[in-house]
Structures are given as structure tokens and as C-alpha cells.
């Protein structure tokens, strides 16, 4: 199983549903609460002029109608995860995280 598939499964477990989308097309109608994530970059760890570890950085966005949801706390508790920002659009709360996985 690929690391991205593992991440997808982990995010489904956190959300408690299958409303987890990797780079969804704009035409897709999302069901809320939902998590939308995409590859945002890669960081490498090197030693002795060799790359020995590579981390993929994902931008993870939780979209929820409930402003008091506990899901952001669950996402933020993941190792190598940091909260980026929150904003409200179309009566939906968007919580954005950076996650290395």
C-alpha cells in the first residue's frame, strides 16, 4: 500500500466517514464534513552528500459546518502536523493544516 493510501485511510478514520478527497475536481460535489488534501511539497534529509529520507508535505483542509467541531484537534495531534489558518466561506469553516507524511 502506498503512503498516500495510508494517509487517506488515516484521515477517513479521523473524520469517521469516507468524505476524504485527494485533489478532487471542481465538478465534484463534496459532502460535509469533508477533508480535502493535496501534495504541497517534499523535503529531504541528507547526510554525507546522500539523501536518506524524504518527506512529502500535504496541505490538508477540513471543511465543516460546525464551528465547534473537535476534528481539527484530532488532525492537529498527528505527528509532524501544524495548524496553518482558519477561514469561513459560504457558511463553512475551513481549517488548513500542513502535514508531513
N, C-alpha and C. Protein backbone atom coordinates (compact mmCIF):
# COMPACT_ATOMS: atom_id res chain seq x y z
N UNK A 1 0.84 -1.17 0.00
CA UNK A 1 0.00 0.00 0.00
C UNK A 1 0.89 1.24 0.00
N UNK A 2 0.52 2.22 -0.81
CA UNK A 2 1.32 3.44 -0.90
C UNK A 2 1.12 4.30 0.34
N UNK A 3 2.06 5.20 0.58
CA UNK A 3 1.97 6.10 1.74
C UNK A 3 0.74 7.01 1.61
N UNK A 4 0.41 7.45 0.40
CA UNK A 4 -0.76 8.31 0.24
C UNK A 4 -2.04 7.56 0.56
N UNK A 5 -2.11 6.29 0.19
CA UNK A 5 -3.27 5.47 0.53
C UNK A 5 -3.37 5.30 2.05
N UNK A 6 -2.23 5.13 2.70
CA UNK A 6 -2.21 5.06 4.17
C UNK A 6 -2.74 6.36 4.77
N UNK A 7 -2.28 7.48 4.23
CA UNK A 7 -2.74 8.78 4.72
C UNK A 7 -4.25 8.91 4.51
N UNK A 8 -4.75 8.51 3.36
CA UNK A 8 -6.18 8.58 3.09
C UNK A 8 -6.96 7.77 4.12
N UNK A 9 -6.50 6.59 4.41
CA UNK A 9 -7.17 5.73 5.40
C UNK A 9 -7.14 6.37 6.78
N UNK A 10 -6.01 6.95 7.16
CA UNK A 10 -5.87 7.62 8.45
C UNK A 10 -6.85 8.80 8.55
N UNK A 11 -6.94 9.60 7.50
CA UNK A 11 -7.85 10.74 7.51
C UNK A 11 -9.31 10.30 7.55
N UNK A 12 -9.64 9.20 6.89
CA UNK A 12 -11.01 8.64 6.97
C UNK A 12 -11.32 8.22 8.39
N UNK A 13 -10.35 7.61 9.07
CA UNK A 13 -10.55 7.19 10.47
C UNK A 13 -10.78 8.40 11.37
N UNK A 14 -10.01 9.45 11.16
CA UNK A 14 -10.16 10.67 11.97
C UNK A 14 -11.52 11.31 11.73
N UNK A 15 -11.93 11.38 10.48
CA UNK A 15 -13.19 12.02 10.12
C UNK A 15 -14.40 11.16 10.50
N UNK A 16 -14.20 9.84 10.47
CA UNK A 16 -15.31 8.93 10.77
C UNK A 16 -16.23 8.70 9.59
N UNK A 17 -15.75 9.03 8.39
CA UNK A 17 -16.52 8.79 7.17
C UNK A 17 -15.56 8.72 5.98
N UNK A 18 -16.11 8.45 4.81
CA UNK A 18 -15.32 8.35 3.58
C UNK A 18 -15.26 9.68 2.82
N UNK A 19 -15.66 10.78 3.46
CA UNK A 19 -15.66 12.08 2.80
C UNK A 19 -14.27 12.70 2.80
N UNK A 20 -13.30 11.95 2.35
CA UNK A 20 -11.91 12.39 2.25
C UNK A 20 -11.53 12.37 0.78
N UNK A 21 -11.05 13.50 0.29
CA UNK A 21 -10.82 13.66 -1.15
C UNK A 21 -9.39 14.11 -1.41
N UNK A 22 -8.70 13.41 -2.32
CA UNK A 22 -7.36 13.79 -2.74
C UNK A 22 -7.48 14.54 -4.07
N UNK A 23 -7.13 15.81 -4.06
CA UNK A 23 -7.17 16.66 -5.25
C UNK A 23 -8.46 16.46 -6.06
N UNK A 24 -9.62 16.72 -5.45
CA UNK A 24 -10.88 16.47 -6.17
C UNK A 24 -11.09 17.48 -7.30
N UNK A 25 -11.74 17.07 -8.38
CA UNK A 25 -12.06 18.01 -9.45
C UNK A 25 -13.11 19.01 -8.95
N UNK A 26 -13.13 20.19 -9.53
CA UNK A 26 -14.07 21.23 -9.09
C UNK A 26 -15.52 20.82 -9.32
N UNK A 27 -15.76 19.92 -10.24
CA UNK A 27 -17.13 19.49 -10.54
C UNK A 27 -17.69 18.53 -9.48
N UNK A 28 -16.86 18.00 -8.61
CA UNK A 28 -17.31 17.05 -7.60
C UNK A 28 -18.04 17.78 -6.48
N UNK A 29 -19.23 17.31 -6.13
CA UNK A 29 -20.00 17.90 -5.03
C UNK A 29 -19.57 17.20 -3.74
N UNK A 30 -18.99 17.97 -2.82
CA UNK A 30 -18.49 17.42 -1.56
C UNK A 30 -19.62 17.25 -0.57
N UNK A 31 -19.47 16.24 0.30
CA UNK A 31 -20.38 16.02 1.42
C UNK A 31 -19.64 16.42 2.68
N UNK A 32 -20.30 17.18 3.55
CA UNK A 32 -19.64 17.74 4.73
C UNK A 32 -20.05 17.01 6.00
N UNK A 33 -19.18 16.93 6.98
CA UNK A 33 -17.81 17.43 6.98
C UNK A 33 -16.94 16.64 6.00
N UNK A 34 -15.92 17.31 5.49
CA UNK A 34 -15.04 16.70 4.50
C UNK A 34 -13.60 17.12 4.75
N UNK A 35 -12.69 16.27 4.30
CA UNK A 35 -11.27 16.61 4.30
C UNK A 35 -10.80 16.56 2.85
N UNK A 36 -10.18 17.65 2.42
CA UNK A 36 -9.60 17.74 1.08
C UNK A 36 -8.10 17.93 1.27
N UNK A 37 -7.30 17.11 0.60
CA UNK A 37 -5.86 17.25 0.75
C UNK A 37 -5.16 17.12 -0.59
N UNK A 38 -3.97 17.72 -0.66
CA UNK A 38 -3.19 17.67 -1.89
C UNK A 38 -1.70 17.72 -1.54
N UNK A 39 -0.89 17.21 -2.44
CA UNK A 39 0.56 17.27 -2.26
C UNK A 39 1.01 18.71 -2.39
N UNK A 40 1.79 19.17 -1.41
CA UNK A 40 2.18 20.58 -1.37
C UNK A 40 3.69 20.77 -1.50
N UNK A 41 4.46 19.70 -1.36
CA UNK A 41 5.90 19.82 -1.49
C UNK A 41 6.60 18.58 -0.94
N UNK A 42 7.94 18.59 -1.03
CA UNK A 42 8.76 17.50 -0.49
C UNK A 42 9.98 18.08 0.17
N UNK A 43 10.35 17.51 1.30
CA UNK A 43 11.56 17.90 2.00
C UNK A 43 12.44 16.67 2.14
N UNK A 44 13.74 16.89 1.98
CA UNK A 44 14.70 15.79 2.05
C UNK A 44 15.64 15.99 3.22
N UNK A 45 16.06 14.87 3.79
CA UNK A 45 17.10 14.89 4.82
C UNK A 45 18.32 14.22 4.23
N UNK A 46 19.45 14.91 4.29
CA UNK A 46 20.68 14.39 3.68
C UNK A 46 21.79 14.30 4.71
N UNK A 47 22.69 13.39 4.44
CA UNK A 47 23.92 13.25 5.23
C UNK A 47 24.97 12.63 4.33
N UNK A 48 26.21 13.04 4.50
CA UNK A 48 27.31 12.53 3.67
C UNK A 48 27.00 12.65 2.18
N UNK A 49 26.39 13.78 1.83
CA UNK A 49 26.04 14.08 0.44
C UNK A 49 25.08 13.07 -0.17
N UNK A 50 24.32 12.38 0.66
CA UNK A 50 23.32 11.43 0.19
C UNK A 50 21.96 11.76 0.80
N UNK A 51 20.94 11.60 0.01
CA UNK A 51 19.59 11.78 0.53
C UNK A 51 19.16 10.45 1.14
N UNK A 52 18.83 10.46 2.44
CA UNK A 52 18.44 9.19 3.05
C UNK A 52 17.00 9.18 3.54
N UNK A 53 16.31 10.31 3.51
CA UNK A 53 14.91 10.34 3.92
C UNK A 53 14.21 11.48 3.19
N UNK A 54 13.02 11.20 2.71
CA UNK A 54 12.23 12.21 2.01
C UNK A 54 10.84 12.23 2.62
N UNK A 55 10.36 13.42 2.94
CA UNK A 55 9.02 13.59 3.48
C UNK A 55 8.17 14.35 2.48
N UNK A 56 6.96 13.87 2.25
CA UNK A 56 6.02 14.61 1.41
C UNK A 56 5.18 15.49 2.33
N UNK A 57 5.00 16.73 1.90
CA UNK A 57 4.18 17.66 2.67
C UNK A 57 2.84 17.80 1.97
N UNK A 58 1.78 17.62 2.75
CA UNK A 58 0.43 17.73 2.23
C UNK A 58 -0.27 18.93 2.86
N UNK A 59 -1.07 19.60 2.07
CA UNK A 59 -1.97 20.63 2.57
C UNK A 59 -3.30 19.92 2.83
N UNK A 60 -3.73 19.93 4.08
CA UNK A 60 -4.95 19.23 4.50
C UNK A 60 -5.96 20.27 4.95
N UNK A 61 -7.14 20.26 4.34
CA UNK A 61 -8.19 21.21 4.69
C UNK A 61 -9.42 20.46 5.17
N UNK A 62 -9.81 20.75 6.40
CA UNK A 62 -11.07 20.24 6.94
C UNK A 62 -12.14 21.30 6.65
N UNK A 63 -13.25 20.87 6.09
CA UNK A 63 -14.37 21.76 5.81
C UNK A 63 -15.57 21.23 6.58
N UNK A 64 -16.12 22.08 7.45
CA UNK A 64 -17.20 21.64 8.33
C UNK A 64 -18.16 22.79 8.60
N UNK A 65 -19.44 22.47 8.72
CA UNK A 65 -20.44 23.48 9.06
C UNK A 65 -20.36 23.86 10.54
N UNK A 66 -19.93 22.94 11.37
CA UNK A 66 -19.90 23.14 12.82
C UNK A 66 -18.63 23.90 13.23
N UNK A 67 -18.78 25.13 13.78
CA UNK A 67 -17.59 25.88 14.19
C UNK A 67 -16.92 25.32 15.45
N UNK A 68 -17.62 24.45 16.18
CA UNK A 68 -17.09 23.88 17.42
C UNK A 68 -16.67 22.42 17.27
N UNK A 69 -16.46 21.98 16.06
CA UNK A 69 -16.08 20.60 15.82
C UNK A 69 -14.76 20.26 16.50
N UNK A 70 -14.61 19.01 16.91
CA UNK A 70 -13.37 18.55 17.55
C UNK A 70 -12.40 17.91 16.55
N UNK A 71 -12.80 17.82 15.31
CA UNK A 71 -11.96 17.19 14.29
C UNK A 71 -10.63 17.92 14.10
N UNK A 72 -10.58 19.26 14.12
CA UNK A 72 -9.28 19.93 13.97
C UNK A 72 -8.28 19.50 15.05
N UNK A 73 -8.75 19.28 16.27
CA UNK A 73 -7.86 18.83 17.35
C UNK A 73 -7.28 17.45 17.03
N UNK A 74 -8.09 16.59 16.45
CA UNK A 74 -7.61 15.25 16.08
C UNK A 74 -6.56 15.32 14.98
N UNK A 75 -6.80 16.17 13.98
CA UNK A 75 -5.83 16.31 12.89
C UNK A 75 -4.54 16.92 13.42
N UNK A 76 -4.67 17.95 14.24
CA UNK A 76 -3.50 18.64 14.77
C UNK A 76 -2.65 17.76 15.68
N UNK A 77 -3.24 16.70 16.23
CA UNK A 77 -2.48 15.80 17.11
C UNK A 77 -1.60 14.82 16.33
N UNK A 78 -1.73 14.78 15.01
CA UNK A 78 -0.89 13.88 14.21
C UNK A 78 0.57 14.34 14.27
N UNK A 79 1.50 13.39 14.28
CA UNK A 79 2.93 13.77 14.25
C UNK A 79 3.25 14.57 12.99
N UNK A 80 4.12 15.54 13.12
CA UNK A 80 4.58 16.37 12.01
C UNK A 80 3.44 17.13 11.32
N UNK A 81 2.46 17.54 12.12
CA UNK A 81 1.33 18.31 11.61
C UNK A 81 1.31 19.66 12.31
N UNK A 82 0.99 20.72 11.56
CA UNK A 82 0.87 22.04 12.17
C UNK A 82 -0.34 22.76 11.57
N UNK A 83 -1.02 23.50 12.43
CA UNK A 83 -2.17 24.29 12.01
C UNK A 83 -1.68 25.52 11.27
N UNK A 84 -2.26 25.78 10.12
CA UNK A 84 -1.85 26.93 9.30
C UNK A 84 -2.79 28.12 9.53
N UNK A 85 -4.08 27.93 9.27
CA UNK A 85 -5.03 29.03 9.44
C UNK A 85 -6.46 28.51 9.37
N UNK A 86 -7.40 29.39 9.70
CA UNK A 86 -8.83 29.11 9.63
C UNK A 86 -9.49 30.25 8.88
N UNK A 87 -10.49 29.93 8.08
CA UNK A 87 -11.32 30.97 7.49
C UNK A 87 -12.72 30.42 7.26
N UNK A 88 -13.66 31.32 7.11
CA UNK A 88 -15.05 30.95 6.90
C UNK A 88 -15.47 31.44 5.51
N UNK A 89 -16.08 30.55 4.74
CA UNK A 89 -16.54 30.89 3.40
C UNK A 89 -17.82 30.11 3.11
N UNK A 90 -18.82 30.77 2.57
CA UNK A 90 -20.11 30.13 2.23
C UNK A 90 -20.72 29.40 3.43
N UNK A 91 -20.61 29.99 4.61
CA UNK A 91 -21.13 29.41 5.85
C UNK A 91 -20.46 28.08 6.20
N UNK A 92 -19.25 27.86 5.72
CA UNK A 92 -18.47 26.67 6.03
C UNK A 92 -17.15 27.09 6.66
N UNK A 93 -16.73 26.37 7.68
CA UNK A 93 -15.45 26.62 8.34
C UNK A 93 -14.37 25.80 7.67
N UNK A 94 -13.27 26.46 7.32
CA UNK A 94 -12.13 25.79 6.68
C UNK A 94 -10.94 25.85 7.63
N UNK A 95 -10.42 24.69 7.99
CA UNK A 95 -9.23 24.58 8.85
C UNK A 95 -8.12 24.00 8.00
N UNK A 96 -7.01 24.73 7.87
CA UNK A 96 -5.93 24.30 6.98
C UNK A 96 -4.72 23.90 7.80
N UNK A 97 -4.16 22.74 7.47
CA UNK A 97 -3.00 22.19 8.16
C UNK A 97 -1.91 21.86 7.15
N UNK A 98 -0.66 21.86 7.62
CA UNK A 98 0.47 21.29 6.88
C UNK A 98 0.83 19.99 7.56
N UNK A 99 0.91 18.93 6.78
CA UNK A 99 1.17 17.60 7.34
C UNK A 99 2.28 16.92 6.53
N UNK A 100 3.33 16.51 7.23
CA UNK A 100 4.39 15.71 6.60
C UNK A 100 4.06 14.25 6.84
N UNK A 101 4.06 13.48 5.75
CA UNK A 101 3.69 12.07 5.89
C UNK A 101 4.50 11.25 4.90
